[in-house]
Structure formats: C-alpha cells, structure tokens
Protein backbone atom coordinates (compact mmCIF):
# COMPACT_ATOMS: atom_id res chain seq x y z
CA UNK A 1 153.99 -104.53 -0.96
CA UNK A 2 152.44 -101.65 0.69
CA UNK A 3 149.97 -102.37 3.46
CA UNK A 4 146.63 -100.63 3.02
CA UNK A 5 145.00 -99.06 6.02
CA UNK A 6 141.79 -100.67 7.10
CA UNK A 7 138.75 -98.49 6.72
CA UNK A 8 137.30 -97.02 9.82
CA UNK A 9 134.29 -98.96 11.16
CA UNK A 10 130.91 -97.48 10.47
CA UNK A 11 129.46 -95.81 13.54
CA UNK A 12 126.54 -97.64 15.13
CA UNK A 13 123.09 -96.23 14.69
CA UNK A 14 121.59 -94.17 17.54
CA UNK A 15 119.16 -96.02 19.80
CA UNK A 16 115.46 -95.76 19.08
CA UNK A 17 114.91 -94.11 22.43
CA UNK A 18 117.16 -91.24 21.50
CA UNK A 19 115.36 -90.73 18.20
CA UNK A 20 112.00 -90.75 19.92
CA UNK A 21 113.23 -88.28 22.48
CA UNK A 22 114.54 -86.00 19.77
CA UNK A 23 111.41 -86.10 17.69
CA UNK A 24 108.93 -86.12 20.60
CA UNK A 25 108.70 -82.40 21.39
CA UNK A 26 108.12 -81.43 17.80
CA UNK A 27 105.67 -84.17 16.88
CA UNK A 28 103.46 -84.65 19.95
CA UNK A 29 101.29 -82.11 21.75
CA UNK A 30 101.95 -81.70 25.47
CA UNK A 31 99.56 -83.73 27.67
CA UNK A 32 97.14 -81.66 29.77
CA UNK A 33 94.95 -82.93 32.58
CA UNK A 34 91.23 -82.44 31.97
CA UNK A 35 89.82 -79.53 33.90
CA UNK A 36 87.10 -80.37 36.44
CA UNK A 37 83.97 -78.27 35.95
CA UNK A 38 82.77 -78.92 39.49
CA UNK A 39 79.67 -80.92 38.53
CA UNK A 40 80.26 -83.62 41.13
CA UNK A 41 81.01 -81.14 43.89
CA UNK A 42 77.90 -79.11 43.04
CA UNK A 43 75.75 -82.25 43.05
CA UNK A 44 77.05 -83.37 46.45
CA UNK A 45 76.67 -79.89 47.97
CA UNK A 46 73.10 -79.64 46.71
CA UNK A 47 72.20 -83.06 48.10
CA UNK A 48 73.73 -82.18 51.46
CA UNK A 49 71.76 -78.92 51.59
CA UNK A 50 68.47 -80.59 50.69
CA UNK A 51 69.05 -83.37 53.24
CA UNK A 52 69.72 -80.77 55.93
CA UNK A 53 66.58 -78.85 54.99
CA UNK A 54 64.41 -81.96 55.06
CA UNK A 55 65.78 -83.25 58.38
CA UNK A 56 65.48 -79.90 60.16
CA UNK A 57 62.00 -79.22 58.75
CA UNK A 58 60.80 -82.75 59.57
CA UNK A 59 62.09 -82.48 63.14
CA UNK A 60 60.35 -79.15 63.64
CA UNK A 61 57.17 -80.56 62.11
CA UNK A 62 57.19 -83.60 64.40
CA UNK A 63 57.71 -81.39 67.45
CA UNK A 64 54.73 -79.26 66.44
CA UNK A 65 52.50 -82.23 65.59
CA UNK A 66 53.17 -83.85 68.96
CA UNK A 67 51.03 -81.17 70.57
CA UNK A 68 48.31 -81.49 67.94
CA UNK A 69 45.66 -84.13 67.56
CA UNK A 70 47.14 -87.36 66.18
CA UNK A 71 46.39 -91.07 66.16
CA UNK A 72 49.50 -92.12 68.04
CA UNK A 73 53.23 -92.67 67.66
CA UNK A 74 55.14 -95.85 66.77
CA UNK A 75 55.99 -97.92 69.84
CA UNK A 76 59.02 -100.13 70.40
CA UNK A 77 62.69 -99.55 69.56
CA UNK A 78 62.63 -101.85 66.54
CA UNK A 79 59.68 -100.07 64.94
CA UNK A 80 61.15 -96.64 65.71
CA UNK A 81 64.50 -97.66 64.22
CA UNK A 82 62.78 -99.03 61.10
CA UNK A 83 60.78 -95.82 60.64
CA UNK A 84 63.89 -93.67 61.15
CA UNK A 85 65.94 -95.75 58.69
CA UNK A 86 63.18 -95.64 56.09
CA UNK A 87 62.80 -91.88 56.51
CA UNK A 88 66.57 -91.39 56.14
CA UNK A 89 66.69 -93.49 52.96
CA UNK A 90 63.72 -91.61 51.53
CA UNK A 91 65.43 -88.30 52.36
CA UNK A 92 68.58 -89.26 50.45
CA UNK A 93 66.62 -90.49 47.43
CA UNK A 94 64.41 -87.40 47.39
CA UNK A 95 67.36 -85.03 47.67
CA UNK A 96 69.10 -86.79 44.79
CA UNK A 97 65.99 -86.60 42.61
CA UNK A 98 65.41 -82.89 43.32
CA UNK A 99 69.08 -82.14 42.68
CA UNK A 100 69.04 -83.90 39.31
CA UNK A 101 65.62 -82.62 38.24
CA UNK A 102 65.72 -79.03 39.51
CA UNK A 103 68.97 -77.83 41.10
CA UNK A 104 71.41 -78.77 38.32
CA UNK A 105 69.11 -77.30 35.62
CA UNK A 106 68.96 -74.16 37.77
CA UNK A 107 72.75 -73.84 37.75
CA UNK A 108 72.88 -74.43 33.99
CA UNK A 109 70.16 -71.86 33.33
CA UNK A 110 71.85 -69.25 35.51
CA UNK A 111 75.25 -69.78 33.87
CA UNK A 112 73.93 -69.66 30.30
CA UNK A 113 71.69 -66.66 30.95
CA UNK A 114 74.53 -64.69 32.48
CA UNK A 115 76.84 -65.66 29.62
CA UNK A 116 74.26 -64.61 27.02
CA UNK A 117 73.99 -61.19 28.64
CA UNK A 118 77.77 -60.99 29.04
CA UNK A 119 77.51 -60.77 32.80
CA UNK A 120 79.30 -62.61 35.56
CA UNK A 121 77.60 -65.65 37.06
CA UNK A 122 76.55 -64.10 40.36
CA UNK A 123 74.35 -65.42 43.16
CA UNK A 124 71.47 -63.24 41.97
CA UNK A 125 71.40 -65.06 38.64
CA UNK A 126 71.26 -68.37 40.49
CA UNK A 127 68.40 -67.22 42.73
CA UNK A 128 66.48 -65.89 39.74
CA UNK A 129 66.96 -69.13 37.84
CA UNK A 130 65.70 -71.06 40.88
CA UNK A 131 62.43 -69.11 40.85
CA UNK A 132 61.98 -69.83 37.14
CA UNK A 133 62.68 -73.55 37.54
CA UNK A 134 60.29 -73.70 40.52
CA UNK A 135 57.55 -72.09 38.43
CA UNK A 136 58.14 -74.56 35.60
CA UNK A 137 58.01 -77.49 38.03
CA UNK A 138 54.70 -76.30 39.48
CA UNK A 139 53.24 -75.95 35.98
CA UNK A 140 54.38 -79.44 34.94
CA UNK A 141 53.38 -81.32 38.06
CA UNK A 142 50.20 -79.27 38.44
CA UNK A 143 49.21 -80.16 34.90
CA UNK A 144 49.92 -83.85 35.45
CA UNK A 145 47.90 -83.83 38.68
CA UNK A 146 45.02 -82.04 36.95
CA UNK A 147 44.99 -84.61 34.14
CA UNK A 148 45.05 -87.46 36.65
CA UNK A 149 42.21 -86.11 38.78
CA UNK A 150 40.36 -84.36 35.93
CA UNK A 151 40.11 -81.24 38.10
CA UNK A 152 42.23 -78.23 38.95
CA UNK A 153 43.47 -77.49 42.44
CA UNK A 154 42.52 -74.35 44.31
CA UNK A 155 43.99 -71.26 42.61
CA UNK A 156 45.81 -70.19 45.76
CA UNK A 157 47.59 -73.54 46.06
CA UNK A 158 49.73 -72.95 42.96
CA UNK A 159 51.51 -69.79 44.20
CA UNK A 160 51.92 -71.43 47.61
CA UNK A 161 53.65 -74.44 46.06
CA UNK A 162 55.77 -72.13 43.90
CA UNK A 163 56.92 -70.12 46.91
CA UNK A 164 57.66 -73.23 48.98
CA UNK A 165 59.62 -74.86 46.16
CA UNK A 166 61.59 -71.65 45.59
CA UNK A 167 62.54 -71.51 49.27
CA UNK A 168 63.78 -75.10 49.02
CA UNK A 169 65.72 -74.68 45.77
CA UNK A 170 67.53 -71.38 46.39
CA UNK A 171 69.82 -72.57 49.25
CA UNK A 172 70.62 -75.81 47.43
CA UNK A 173 71.42 -73.96 44.20
CA UNK A 174 73.63 -71.42 45.97
CA UNK A 175 75.51 -74.21 47.73
CA UNK A 176 76.01 -76.04 44.44
CA UNK A 177 77.24 -72.85 42.77
CA UNK A 178 79.74 -72.21 45.57
CA UNK A 179 81.03 -75.79 45.39
CA UNK A 180 81.49 -75.66 41.62
CA UNK A 181 83.33 -72.32 41.77
CA UNK A 182 85.61 -73.64 44.50
CA UNK A 183 86.60 -76.61 42.34
CA UNK A 184 87.13 -74.52 39.19
CA UNK A 185 89.31 -72.08 41.11
CA UNK A 186 91.27 -74.96 42.72
CA UNK A 187 90.48 -73.79 46.23
CA UNK A 188 90.63 -76.17 49.16
CA UNK A 189 87.70 -77.14 51.36
CA UNK A 190 84.39 -78.91 50.80
CA UNK A 191 81.07 -77.08 50.69
CA UNK A 192 79.16 -80.34 51.22
CA UNK A 193 81.10 -81.04 54.41
CA UNK A 194 80.47 -77.54 55.71
CA UNK A 195 76.75 -77.75 54.91
CA UNK A 196 76.52 -81.11 56.68
CA UNK A 197 78.18 -79.65 59.77
CA UNK A 198 75.93 -76.58 59.86
CA UNK A 199 72.85 -78.70 59.21
CA UNK A 200 73.73 -80.98 62.11
CA UNK A 201 74.13 -77.98 64.40
CA UNK A 202 70.76 -76.58 63.28
CA UNK A 203 69.11 -79.96 63.89
CA UNK A 204 70.58 -80.13 67.40
CA UNK A 205 69.36 -76.61 68.17
CA UNK A 206 65.82 -77.40 66.98
CA UNK A 207 65.79 -80.64 68.96
CA UNK A 208 67.06 -78.91 72.10
CA UNK A 209 64.42 -76.19 71.85
CA UNK A 210 61.67 -78.77 71.40
CA UNK A 211 62.91 -80.92 74.27
CA UNK A 212 63.07 -77.86 76.49
CA UNK A 213 59.54 -76.79 75.57
CA UNK A 214 58.06 -80.22 76.31
CA UNK A 215 60.31 -80.92 79.29
CA UNK A 216 59.39 -77.72 81.11
CA UNK A 217 55.68 -78.21 80.49
CA UNK A 218 55.41 -75.17 78.25
CA UNK A 219 53.91 -77.50 75.61
CA UNK A 220 52.20 -80.82 76.30
CA UNK A 221 52.06 -83.94 74.16
CA UNK A 222 48.54 -84.62 72.91
CA UNK A 223 46.68 -87.56 74.42
CA UNK A 224 43.21 -88.81 73.47
CA UNK A 225 40.54 -88.04 76.06
CA UNK A 226 40.10 -90.55 78.88
CA UNK A 227 36.42 -91.41 78.61
CA UNK A 228 34.21 -93.87 80.44
CA UNK A 229 31.09 -95.68 79.31
CA UNK A 230 28.93 -92.95 80.79
CA UNK A 231 30.91 -90.31 78.89
CA UNK A 232 30.19 -92.09 75.60
CA UNK A 233 26.46 -92.20 76.27
CA UNK A 234 24.62 -89.31 74.65
CA UNK A 235 23.88 -87.84 71.23
CA UNK A 236 26.56 -87.58 68.55
CA UNK A 237 26.21 -85.55 65.34
CA UNK A 238 28.12 -85.17 62.09
CA UNK A 239 27.07 -81.52 61.74
CA UNK A 240 25.05 -82.23 58.57
CA UNK A 241 21.87 -83.63 60.06
CA UNK A 242 23.11 -87.13 60.81
CA UNK A 243 22.90 -88.21 64.46
CA UNK A 244 23.18 -91.30 66.60
CA UNK A 245 22.00 -91.60 70.19
CA UNK A 246 23.94 -93.97 72.42
CA UNK A 247 21.90 -94.99 75.46
CA UNK A 248 23.56 -96.01 78.68
CA UNK A 249 21.97 -99.48 78.42
CA UNK A 250 23.84 -100.24 75.16
CA UNK A 251 21.12 -99.36 72.64
CA UNK A 252 21.86 -97.08 69.66
CA UNK A 253 19.38 -95.12 67.54
CA UNK A 254 20.62 -93.65 64.23
CA UNK A 255 18.88 -90.93 62.22
CA UNK A 256 20.35 -89.87 58.88
CA UNK A 257 23.77 -91.24 59.79
CA UNK A 258 26.11 -91.68 56.82
CA UNK A 259 26.93 -95.31 56.10
CA UNK A 260 29.78 -95.50 53.61
CA UNK A 261 29.41 -98.52 51.33
CA UNK A 262 31.97 -99.67 48.76
CA UNK A 263 30.43 -99.11 45.33
CA UNK A 264 32.92 -101.21 43.36
CA UNK A 265 34.50 -98.24 41.54
CA UNK A 266 37.12 -97.41 44.15
CA UNK A 267 35.03 -95.01 46.22
CA UNK A 268 32.82 -95.20 49.29
CA UNK A 269 29.34 -93.82 48.68
CA UNK A 270 27.43 -92.56 51.74
CA UNK A 271 23.89 -93.79 52.31
CA UNK A 272 21.53 -92.63 55.02
CA UNK A 273 21.25 -95.00 57.94
CA UNK A 274 18.10 -94.95 60.08
CA UNK A 275 17.30 -97.54 62.68
CA UNK A 276 18.23 -99.01 66.02
CA UNK A 277 21.06 -101.26 67.11
CA UNK A 278 23.65 -101.71 69.82
CA UNK A 279 26.96 -100.23 70.87
CA UNK A 280 29.80 -101.23 73.18
CA UNK A 281 32.97 -99.43 74.24
CA UNK A 282 36.23 -100.69 72.72
CA UNK A 283 38.92 -101.04 75.38
CA UNK A 284 42.65 -101.63 75.22
CA UNK A 285 44.46 -102.27 78.47
CA UNK A 286 41.41 -101.21 80.45
CA UNK A 287 41.23 -97.85 78.70
CA UNK A 288 38.41 -96.86 76.35
CA UNK A 289 39.83 -96.44 72.85
CA UNK A 290 36.63 -96.20 70.84
CA UNK A 291 33.09 -97.38 70.16
CA UNK A 292 31.84 -100.48 68.34
CA UNK A 293 28.48 -99.72 66.72
CA UNK A 294 26.07 -102.12 64.99
CA UNK A 295 22.87 -100.98 63.21
CA UNK A 296 21.29 -104.04 61.60
CA UNK A 297 18.60 -102.22 59.59
CA UNK A 298 21.18 -100.53 57.35
CA UNK A 299 24.00 -103.05 57.75
CA UNK A 300 26.21 -100.56 59.56
CA UNK A 301 29.02 -102.24 61.45
CA UNK A 302 31.85 -99.92 62.39
CA UNK A 303 34.51 -99.41 65.03
CA UNK A 304 35.03 -95.75 65.86
CA UNK A 305 38.17 -94.27 67.44
CA UNK A 306 38.10 -91.58 70.12
CA UNK A 307 39.82 -88.22 69.52
CA UNK A 308 39.29 -84.63 70.59
CA UNK A 309 39.37 -83.49 74.20
CA UNK A 310 37.46 -84.39 77.34
CA UNK A 311 35.37 -81.23 76.95
CA UNK A 312 34.70 -81.81 73.23
CA UNK A 313 35.13 -85.53 72.47
CA UNK A 314 34.79 -86.87 68.94
CA UNK A 315 34.66 -90.31 67.38
CA UNK A 316 35.64 -91.17 63.81
CA UNK A 317 36.32 -93.95 61.34
CA UNK A 318 38.32 -93.82 58.12
CA UNK A 319 36.61 -93.77 54.75
CA UNK A 320 38.00 -94.50 51.32
CA UNK A 321 41.32 -96.21 50.81
CA UNK A 322 43.41 -97.07 53.88
CA UNK A 323 45.79 -94.24 54.68
CA UNK A 324 43.87 -91.69 52.60
CA UNK A 325 43.37 -89.47 55.64
CA UNK A 326 39.64 -89.09 54.99
CA UNK A 327 37.41 -89.45 58.03
CA UNK A 328 33.79 -89.45 59.01
CA UNK A 329 33.67 -87.62 62.33
CA UNK A 330 30.92 -87.38 64.94
CA UNK A 331 30.99 -84.78 67.70
CA UNK A 332 29.18 -85.25 70.98
CA UNK A 333 26.38 -82.82 71.66
CA UNK A 334 27.22 -81.22 74.99
CA UNK A 335 24.44 -79.38 76.75
CA UNK A 336 25.78 -76.35 78.56
CA UNK A 337 23.96 -75.29 81.68
CA UNK A 338 22.38 -71.88 81.33
CA UNK A 339 23.12 -69.38 84.01
CA UNK A 340 20.37 -67.05 85.17
CA UNK A 341 21.21 -63.86 86.92
CA UNK A 342 19.31 -63.16 90.08
CA UNK A 343 17.36 -59.97 90.01
C-alpha cells in the first residue's frame, strides 16, 4: 500500500485587527479637531475691557464728586466693604450684559459687512460697526423709555448718549476682535490678561493722582457748613415766591411755602403753606445737621438737611420716592452790606 501524503493544513484567518487596519484608511475619513473661532476669547477680552473702563471711570468720578456737594460717604469698614463688593459684582454683570447685547453683535456686523464687500476685516470696520450698534441701542432704549414715561427726552440727550455709548463700545470691540484673531491664527498670549494688567495700571495712576491732589490740599473734600442756631435764624426762600422766616426764639412763619403731600397716585403734589409754627435745630454729636420745622395750619412737618456753604447755606428735604434725587431746596436770604464811597 502506498501511503498518501496528508493535506497541508488550512492557514488561519487573519486577525480582525489586521483587517480593520487594512480597510481603515480607505473607508474612514481622517479625524480633524474643530477649529476655534475665538468667540470665548473675544467675549472675555470684551468683558475685561468694559470692567477696566467702568472701574477707572468710577474712580475718577468718585474723586471728582468728593469735592462737590454731597450728602455724605458710607462709614465703617463693613459698610465700605459691602458697597465695594456690590459695586464689583454689578460691574461684572453689566460688562457681561453689554458684551452679549452690543459688543458681540458689533463684531458679527463688522465681519459680515467686510465679507459682503470683499474686504478684509480691519479695525475700521469694527469701529464703524460699533457706532451703528450704539445708534441702534439708543433708538431702542430711547423708545422704550419714551413709552414708559409717555414723553420724549431732550433732543440733545440722544446724540450725547450715542457718543458716550460709542466711546464705551469701540475699545471693547477692538479688544474682542484682537483676541479672536489671535486664537484663529494660533498665536500665544491672552488679550484679556493684557487688558486687565493695563486697566489695573490705569486705575493705580488715577488713584495716585487723586490722592496727591487731596493730600497736598490742591483739592478739598466737601463738608456741609458748620452752622449755629443763630446762623439758621433768618428768611429762607425757594426762589419761586415761597418763604419761611425762622425767628431766633423758635417761631416760624411760612408764606407760600410748598408742602408736598402724597396724592395716592405715586406723586407728591405741592400745596401752598401759609401760617405760623415752630422750628428747632437738628443736632448729631453736638453739630447742627438740619432743621425740624412744624407748621400746624397746613400740616407741614418736615426735617430739613443742611447743605451749601457757610456763605450761602441751603436746607432741603427729599420729595417723591426715596432715592429719586428730587429735592425741595430753600436758600437763606443774605443781606449784603452796601458800601458808600466817601465824597
């Protein structure tokens, strides 16, 4: 018998991994990382710019208002810290709102307008778009305010608001544009960090200038006049025919004085007050802070605060809603001595 050769064993199949590797390049598209358009960087840079603008402008405004007539500053470290923290939080929220509502639409408008005209997205397009967005914002908010109050504002106020809003938006939009371009071009560095650093330096410079002006006595902090009981005695007028005479013995005589009475519709309506009553100085820590006046014939019962200067003192009380800023002011009638030349 002849021995037959055994057949060769069938080769094992290739592993699945090898098949996948062989078929992968021809069946699957290469994976690409999504390209960042710089939206987040632009948003952060705009917020940083707006925060810097608000902080520097607020610091300069406070330094100026310190020398002007004001009702007083918050006292105590806790109250000052609370006010500062609240102002900082409000600044961040406001900068975020303005960025979302105005700055990012400005960047979009500039980019699309330049693309439609087949031009490069330059800084001039961004500045021009900022002026257009500022004008649209003034029209929208001005219209809403007019509908709410059923009256238009002064004509000059609209271009003033437009110019102020343009000045605020242009730096923020340019910073956002620079940040977005830096991300799209894969360049290193952060525009928001640079803006924060420069804003901090500007704030320190403004604070140092203000501290130097007040510290050297070039500018003085406003203080209410230091009056005595005899200084309060005399005739006070509102400039519209209403007067009150405060006698040194504590009697008060009113003629045509406005007495603001709540009318139940959300407004204080003035009514003429004529009659006699009493007055006493209001003191705090031994210092005269105002006048307490009572005229029984017209039910006038008010506490008046002292403002002005020692040469031209004034007293006032708030009218309308608390914090509205509306005041009824009386100015003391000062009789100047006439000088006669000798002949």
